N, C-alpha and C. Protein backbone atom coordinates (compact mmCIF):
# COMPACT_ATOMS: atom_id res chain seq x y z
N UNK A 1 0.84 -1.18 0.00
CA UNK A 1 0.00 0.00 0.00
C UNK A 1 0.88 1.25 0.00
N UNK A 2 0.48 2.22 -0.79
CA UNK A 2 1.28 3.43 -0.88
C UNK A 2 1.11 4.30 0.36
N UNK A 3 2.01 5.26 0.50
CA UNK A 3 1.95 6.18 1.64
C UNK A 3 0.59 6.86 1.68
N UNK A 4 0.18 7.22 2.90
CA UNK A 4 -1.12 7.86 3.07
C UNK A 4 -1.14 9.27 2.49
N UNK A 5 -0.02 9.99 2.58
CA UNK A 5 0.02 11.35 2.04
C UNK A 5 0.77 11.37 0.72
N UNK A 6 0.20 12.05 -0.24
CA UNK A 6 0.78 12.17 -1.57
C UNK A 6 0.97 13.66 -1.85
N UNK A 7 2.19 14.13 -1.69
CA UNK A 7 2.49 15.55 -1.86
C UNK A 7 2.16 16.09 -3.24
N UNK A 8 2.10 15.22 -4.23
CA UNK A 8 1.77 15.68 -5.58
C UNK A 8 0.35 16.23 -5.67
N UNK A 9 -0.52 15.79 -4.77
CA UNK A 9 -1.91 16.24 -4.80
C UNK A 9 -2.17 17.46 -3.92
N UNK A 10 -1.17 17.89 -3.16
CA UNK A 10 -1.37 19.01 -2.24
C UNK A 10 -1.84 20.28 -2.94
N UNK A 11 -1.26 20.68 -4.08
CA UNK A 11 -1.77 21.89 -4.75
C UNK A 11 -3.25 21.74 -5.19
N UNK A 12 -3.62 20.56 -5.64
CA UNK A 12 -5.01 20.34 -6.04
C UNK A 12 -5.94 20.42 -4.83
N UNK A 13 -5.52 19.86 -3.71
CA UNK A 13 -6.32 19.93 -2.48
C UNK A 13 -6.48 21.38 -2.04
N UNK A 14 -5.41 22.14 -2.12
CA UNK A 14 -5.46 23.56 -1.74
C UNK A 14 -6.46 24.31 -2.63
N UNK A 15 -6.43 24.02 -3.91
CA UNK A 15 -7.37 24.66 -4.84
C UNK A 15 -8.81 24.25 -4.55
N UNK A 16 -9.02 22.98 -4.23
CA UNK A 16 -10.37 22.52 -3.89
C UNK A 16 -10.89 23.18 -2.61
N UNK A 17 -10.01 23.46 -1.67
CA UNK A 17 -10.42 24.17 -0.46
C UNK A 17 -10.90 25.59 -0.80
N UNK A 18 -10.27 26.20 -1.80
CA UNK A 18 -10.67 27.55 -2.22
C UNK A 18 -12.00 27.53 -2.96
N UNK A 19 -12.29 26.43 -3.66
CA UNK A 19 -13.46 26.35 -4.52
C UNK A 19 -14.48 25.32 -4.01
N UNK A 20 -14.73 25.29 -2.72
CA UNK A 20 -15.67 24.31 -2.18
C UNK A 20 -17.06 24.54 -2.76
N UNK A 21 -17.82 23.46 -2.90
CA UNK A 21 -19.20 23.58 -3.36
C UNK A 21 -20.03 24.22 -2.25
N UNK A 22 -21.22 24.67 -2.58
CA UNK A 22 -22.06 25.29 -1.55
C UNK A 22 -22.42 24.29 -0.46
N UNK A 23 -22.57 23.01 -0.82
CA UNK A 23 -22.88 21.98 0.17
C UNK A 23 -21.68 21.74 1.09
N UNK A 24 -20.48 21.72 0.51
CA UNK A 24 -19.27 21.57 1.33
C UNK A 24 -19.11 22.76 2.27
N UNK A 25 -19.32 23.96 1.75
CA UNK A 25 -19.21 25.16 2.60
C UNK A 25 -20.21 25.12 3.74
N UNK A 26 -21.44 24.73 3.43
CA UNK A 26 -22.49 24.66 4.45
C UNK A 26 -22.10 23.67 5.55
N UNK A 27 -21.69 22.47 5.16
CA UNK A 27 -21.32 21.46 6.16
C UNK A 27 -20.10 21.91 6.95
N UNK A 28 -19.12 22.49 6.29
CA UNK A 28 -17.89 22.92 6.96
C UNK A 28 -18.14 24.07 7.93
N UNK A 29 -18.68 25.16 7.41
CA UNK A 29 -18.81 26.37 8.22
C UNK A 29 -19.93 26.30 9.26
N UNK A 30 -20.94 25.49 8.99
CA UNK A 30 -22.07 25.43 9.91
C UNK A 30 -22.07 24.22 10.83
N UNK A 31 -21.07 23.34 10.68
CA UNK A 31 -21.02 22.16 11.57
C UNK A 31 -19.60 21.66 11.84
N UNK A 32 -18.91 21.17 10.83
CA UNK A 32 -17.64 20.45 11.05
C UNK A 32 -16.51 21.33 11.59
N UNK A 33 -16.46 22.57 11.16
CA UNK A 33 -15.34 23.43 11.56
C UNK A 33 -15.28 23.58 13.08
N UNK A 34 -16.41 23.60 13.75
CA UNK A 34 -16.44 23.79 15.19
C UNK A 34 -16.82 22.51 15.94
N UNK A 35 -16.83 21.40 15.24
CA UNK A 35 -17.15 20.12 15.88
C UNK A 35 -16.06 19.81 16.91
N UNK A 36 -16.42 19.22 18.05
CA UNK A 36 -15.42 18.99 19.11
C UNK A 36 -14.26 18.07 18.73
N UNK A 37 -14.48 17.18 17.78
CA UNK A 37 -13.40 16.32 17.27
C UNK A 37 -12.95 16.95 15.95
N UNK A 38 -11.65 17.13 15.78
CA UNK A 38 -11.12 17.90 14.64
C UNK A 38 -11.33 17.20 13.30
N UNK A 39 -11.87 17.95 12.36
CA UNK A 39 -11.99 17.54 10.96
C UNK A 39 -11.12 18.46 10.12
N UNK A 40 -10.64 17.96 9.00
CA UNK A 40 -9.94 18.77 8.00
C UNK A 40 -10.70 18.65 6.69
N UNK A 41 -10.50 19.65 5.81
CA UNK A 41 -11.16 19.63 4.51
C UNK A 41 -10.16 19.29 3.43
N UNK A 42 -10.67 18.63 2.41
CA UNK A 42 -9.87 18.31 1.22
C UNK A 42 -8.52 17.70 1.63
N UNK A 43 -8.58 16.59 2.31
CA UNK A 43 -7.40 15.90 2.84
C UNK A 43 -6.86 14.90 1.81
N UNK A 44 -5.58 15.00 1.52
CA UNK A 44 -4.93 14.05 0.62
C UNK A 44 -4.73 12.73 1.35
N UNK A 45 -5.28 11.68 0.78
CA UNK A 45 -5.13 10.32 1.32
C UNK A 45 -4.75 9.40 0.17
N UNK A 46 -3.47 9.09 0.05
CA UNK A 46 -3.01 8.26 -1.05
C UNK A 46 -3.21 8.96 -2.38
N UNK A 47 -3.94 8.32 -3.28
CA UNK A 47 -4.16 8.90 -4.61
C UNK A 47 -5.47 9.67 -4.71
N UNK A 48 -6.11 9.92 -3.56
CA UNK A 48 -7.39 10.61 -3.55
C UNK A 48 -7.35 11.84 -2.63
N UNK A 49 -8.33 12.71 -2.82
CA UNK A 49 -8.52 13.85 -1.93
C UNK A 49 -9.92 13.69 -1.34
N UNK A 50 -9.96 13.46 -0.04
CA UNK A 50 -11.24 13.28 0.65
C UNK A 50 -11.87 14.64 0.93
N UNK A 51 -13.18 14.72 0.83
CA UNK A 51 -13.86 15.98 1.10
C UNK A 51 -13.60 16.42 2.54
N UNK A 52 -13.85 15.53 3.50
CA UNK A 52 -13.62 15.82 4.91
C UNK A 52 -13.01 14.59 5.57
N UNK A 53 -12.11 14.84 6.54
CA UNK A 53 -11.38 13.75 7.17
C UNK A 53 -11.21 14.04 8.65
N UNK A 54 -11.46 13.03 9.46
CA UNK A 54 -11.23 13.11 10.90
C UNK A 54 -10.23 12.03 11.27
N UNK A 55 -9.00 12.43 11.59
CA UNK A 55 -7.94 11.46 11.90
C UNK A 55 -8.26 10.68 13.17
N UNK A 56 -8.77 11.38 14.18
CA UNK A 56 -9.03 10.71 15.45
C UNK A 56 -10.06 9.58 15.30
N UNK A 57 -11.10 9.81 14.53
CA UNK A 57 -12.13 8.80 14.33
C UNK A 57 -11.85 7.91 13.11
N UNK A 58 -10.79 8.24 12.35
CA UNK A 58 -10.47 7.51 11.12
C UNK A 58 -11.70 7.47 10.21
N UNK A 59 -12.25 8.67 10.00
CA UNK A 59 -13.50 8.82 9.26
C UNK A 59 -13.32 9.75 8.07
N UNK A 60 -13.83 9.33 6.93
CA UNK A 60 -13.86 10.13 5.71
C UNK A 60 -15.32 10.41 5.39
N UNK A 61 -15.62 11.67 5.10
CA UNK A 61 -16.96 12.04 4.66
C UNK A 61 -16.86 12.53 3.23
N UNK A 62 -17.61 11.90 2.35
CA UNK A 62 -17.65 12.28 0.94
C UNK A 62 -19.04 12.81 0.63
N UNK A 63 -19.12 13.99 0.04
CA UNK A 63 -20.38 14.55 -0.41
C UNK A 63 -20.54 14.24 -1.89
N UNK A 64 -21.69 13.69 -2.24
CA UNK A 64 -21.92 13.24 -3.61
C UNK A 64 -22.98 14.08 -4.30
N UNK A 65 -22.58 14.71 -5.40
CA UNK A 65 -23.53 15.42 -6.25
C UNK A 65 -24.22 14.43 -7.18
N UNK A 66 -25.10 14.93 -8.02
CA UNK A 66 -25.90 14.06 -8.88
C UNK A 66 -25.05 13.22 -9.84
N UNK A 67 -23.87 13.71 -10.22
CA UNK A 67 -23.02 12.96 -11.14
C UNK A 67 -22.55 11.64 -10.53
N UNK A 68 -22.58 11.52 -9.21
CA UNK A 68 -22.12 10.30 -8.55
C UNK A 68 -23.10 9.14 -8.72
N UNK A 69 -24.25 9.39 -9.32
CA UNK A 69 -25.24 8.33 -9.49
C UNK A 69 -25.26 7.80 -10.92
N UNK A 70 -24.29 8.22 -11.72
CA UNK A 70 -24.13 7.67 -13.07
C UNK A 70 -23.34 6.37 -12.95
N UNK A 71 -23.66 5.37 -13.78
CA UNK A 71 -23.05 4.03 -13.63
C UNK A 71 -21.51 4.03 -13.59
N UNK A 72 -20.85 4.72 -14.47
CA UNK A 72 -19.39 4.71 -14.48
C UNK A 72 -18.80 5.34 -13.23
N UNK A 73 -19.45 6.37 -12.74
CA UNK A 73 -18.96 7.07 -11.56
C UNK A 73 -19.16 6.21 -10.31
N UNK A 74 -20.27 5.49 -10.24
CA UNK A 74 -20.52 4.63 -9.08
C UNK A 74 -19.42 3.59 -8.93
N UNK A 75 -18.93 3.05 -10.03
CA UNK A 75 -17.84 2.07 -9.97
C UNK A 75 -16.56 2.74 -9.45
N UNK A 76 -16.29 3.95 -9.90
CA UNK A 76 -15.11 4.68 -9.43
C UNK A 76 -15.23 5.01 -7.95
N UNK A 77 -16.44 5.39 -7.51
CA UNK A 77 -16.66 5.67 -6.09
C UNK A 77 -16.44 4.41 -5.25
N UNK A 78 -16.88 3.27 -5.74
CA UNK A 78 -16.69 2.01 -5.02
C UNK A 78 -15.20 1.69 -4.91
N UNK A 79 -14.45 1.94 -5.99
CA UNK A 79 -13.01 1.72 -5.98
C UNK A 79 -12.32 2.65 -4.98
N UNK A 80 -12.74 3.89 -4.95
CA UNK A 80 -12.20 4.89 -4.03
C UNK A 80 -12.48 4.49 -2.58
N UNK A 81 -13.72 4.06 -2.31
CA UNK A 81 -14.09 3.64 -0.97
C UNK A 81 -13.26 2.43 -0.55
N UNK A 82 -13.09 1.47 -1.44
CA UNK A 82 -12.28 0.28 -1.12
C UNK A 82 -10.83 0.68 -0.82
N UNK A 83 -10.29 1.60 -1.59
CA UNK A 83 -8.93 2.07 -1.36
C UNK A 83 -8.80 2.69 0.03
N UNK A 84 -9.74 3.56 0.38
CA UNK A 84 -9.68 4.25 1.67
C UNK A 84 -9.92 3.30 2.84
N UNK A 85 -10.79 2.34 2.67
CA UNK A 85 -11.00 1.37 3.75
C UNK A 85 -9.77 0.49 3.93
N UNK A 86 -8.94 0.40 2.91
CA UNK A 86 -7.66 -0.31 3.02
C UNK A 86 -6.72 0.35 4.02
N UNK A 87 -6.95 1.61 4.32
CA UNK A 87 -6.19 2.32 5.35
C UNK A 87 -6.89 2.22 6.71
N UNK A 88 -7.88 1.34 6.80
CA UNK A 88 -8.67 1.16 8.04
C UNK A 88 -9.47 2.42 8.35
N UNK A 89 -9.97 3.08 7.30
CA UNK A 89 -10.81 4.26 7.46
C UNK A 89 -12.26 3.87 7.21
N UNK A 90 -13.16 4.53 7.91
CA UNK A 90 -14.59 4.40 7.64
C UNK A 90 -14.96 5.51 6.67
N UNK A 91 -15.69 5.17 5.63
CA UNK A 91 -16.10 6.14 4.62
C UNK A 91 -17.62 6.23 4.63
N UNK A 92 -18.13 7.45 4.78
CA UNK A 92 -19.57 7.66 4.64
C UNK A 92 -19.80 8.61 3.48
N UNK A 93 -20.82 8.31 2.71
CA UNK A 93 -21.16 9.11 1.54
C UNK A 93 -22.51 9.77 1.80
N UNK A 94 -22.56 11.07 1.59
CA UNK A 94 -23.77 11.84 1.84
C UNK A 94 -24.15 12.57 0.55
N UNK A 95 -25.36 12.33 0.06
CA UNK A 95 -25.80 13.06 -1.14
C UNK A 95 -25.94 14.56 -0.86
N UNK A 96 -25.56 15.37 -1.82
CA UNK A 96 -25.66 16.82 -1.67
C UNK A 96 -27.07 17.27 -1.31
N UNK A 97 -28.09 16.62 -1.89
CA UNK A 97 -29.45 17.05 -1.61
C UNK A 97 -29.81 16.83 -0.13
N UNK A 98 -29.17 15.90 0.54
CA UNK A 98 -29.40 15.72 1.98
C UNK A 98 -28.86 16.90 2.77
N UNK A 99 -27.74 17.45 2.33
CA UNK A 99 -27.18 18.64 2.99
C UNK A 99 -28.19 19.79 2.89
N UNK A 100 -28.82 19.91 1.74
CA UNK A 100 -29.75 21.01 1.52
C UNK A 100 -31.12 20.76 2.16
N UNK A 101 -31.60 19.53 2.11
CA UNK A 101 -32.96 19.21 2.55
C UNK A 101 -33.07 18.73 3.99
N UNK A 102 -31.98 18.18 4.53
CA UNK A 102 -32.04 17.56 5.86
C UNK A 102 -30.74 17.81 6.62
N UNK A 103 -30.33 19.06 6.69
CA UNK A 103 -29.04 19.39 7.28
C UNK A 103 -28.92 18.90 8.73
N UNK A 104 -29.94 19.12 9.52
CA UNK A 104 -29.88 18.69 10.93
C UNK A 104 -29.72 17.17 11.02
N UNK A 105 -30.44 16.44 10.17
CA UNK A 105 -30.31 14.99 10.16
C UNK A 105 -28.92 14.53 9.76
N UNK A 106 -28.31 15.21 8.78
CA UNK A 106 -26.94 14.90 8.36
C UNK A 106 -25.97 15.13 9.52
N UNK A 107 -26.13 16.25 10.22
CA UNK A 107 -25.25 16.57 11.35
C UNK A 107 -25.40 15.51 12.45
N UNK A 108 -26.62 15.10 12.73
CA UNK A 108 -26.85 14.07 13.74
C UNK A 108 -26.23 12.74 13.31
N UNK A 109 -26.34 12.40 12.03
CA UNK A 109 -25.75 11.17 11.49
C UNK A 109 -24.23 11.18 11.66
N UNK A 110 -23.60 12.29 11.31
CA UNK A 110 -22.15 12.41 11.45
C UNK A 110 -21.77 12.33 12.93
N UNK A 111 -22.47 13.05 13.77
CA UNK A 111 -22.19 13.04 15.20
C UNK A 111 -22.33 11.63 15.78
N UNK A 112 -23.40 10.93 15.42
CA UNK A 112 -23.60 9.56 15.91
C UNK A 112 -22.51 8.63 15.40
N UNK A 113 -22.11 8.81 14.15
CA UNK A 113 -21.05 7.97 13.57
C UNK A 113 -19.73 8.17 14.31
N UNK A 114 -19.36 9.42 14.55
CA UNK A 114 -18.11 9.73 15.27
C UNK A 114 -18.17 9.13 16.68
N UNK A 115 -19.27 9.33 17.37
CA UNK A 115 -19.41 8.81 18.74
C UNK A 115 -19.35 7.30 18.78
N UNK A 116 -19.96 6.65 17.79
CA UNK A 116 -19.92 5.18 17.73
C UNK A 116 -18.50 4.68 17.51
N UNK A 117 -17.77 5.33 16.61
CA UNK A 117 -16.39 4.92 16.30
C UNK A 117 -15.48 5.12 17.52
N UNK A 118 -15.63 6.27 18.16
CA UNK A 118 -14.75 6.59 19.28
C UNK A 118 -15.17 5.92 20.59
N UNK A 119 -16.39 5.38 20.57
CA UNK A 119 -16.91 4.61 21.71
C UNK A 119 -17.03 5.40 22.94
């Protein structure tokens, strides 16, 4: 397995932090940024950049827009999830429309997931 950090992707991660989607901004600024367990945004993990990452809980949160439900993309997402779980990480995928339509429920889901992992 390759190293967890890939410096070649750092500039791309930095750019993604500057250009976060409205759903990413909402989740970050209105919940994760001040969450009691530290999360980072656009974290380089091997050959991928995770939307949000919590090292303490070994948790990756991926926000999925509508393009993630196309057949070819679903296979790539499954490959990405398998790669990340190879680092003993838990990966949760949240559809963008859930951020917009059920933000409180998404926050509770993330909070419950972190608490369950950390026991």
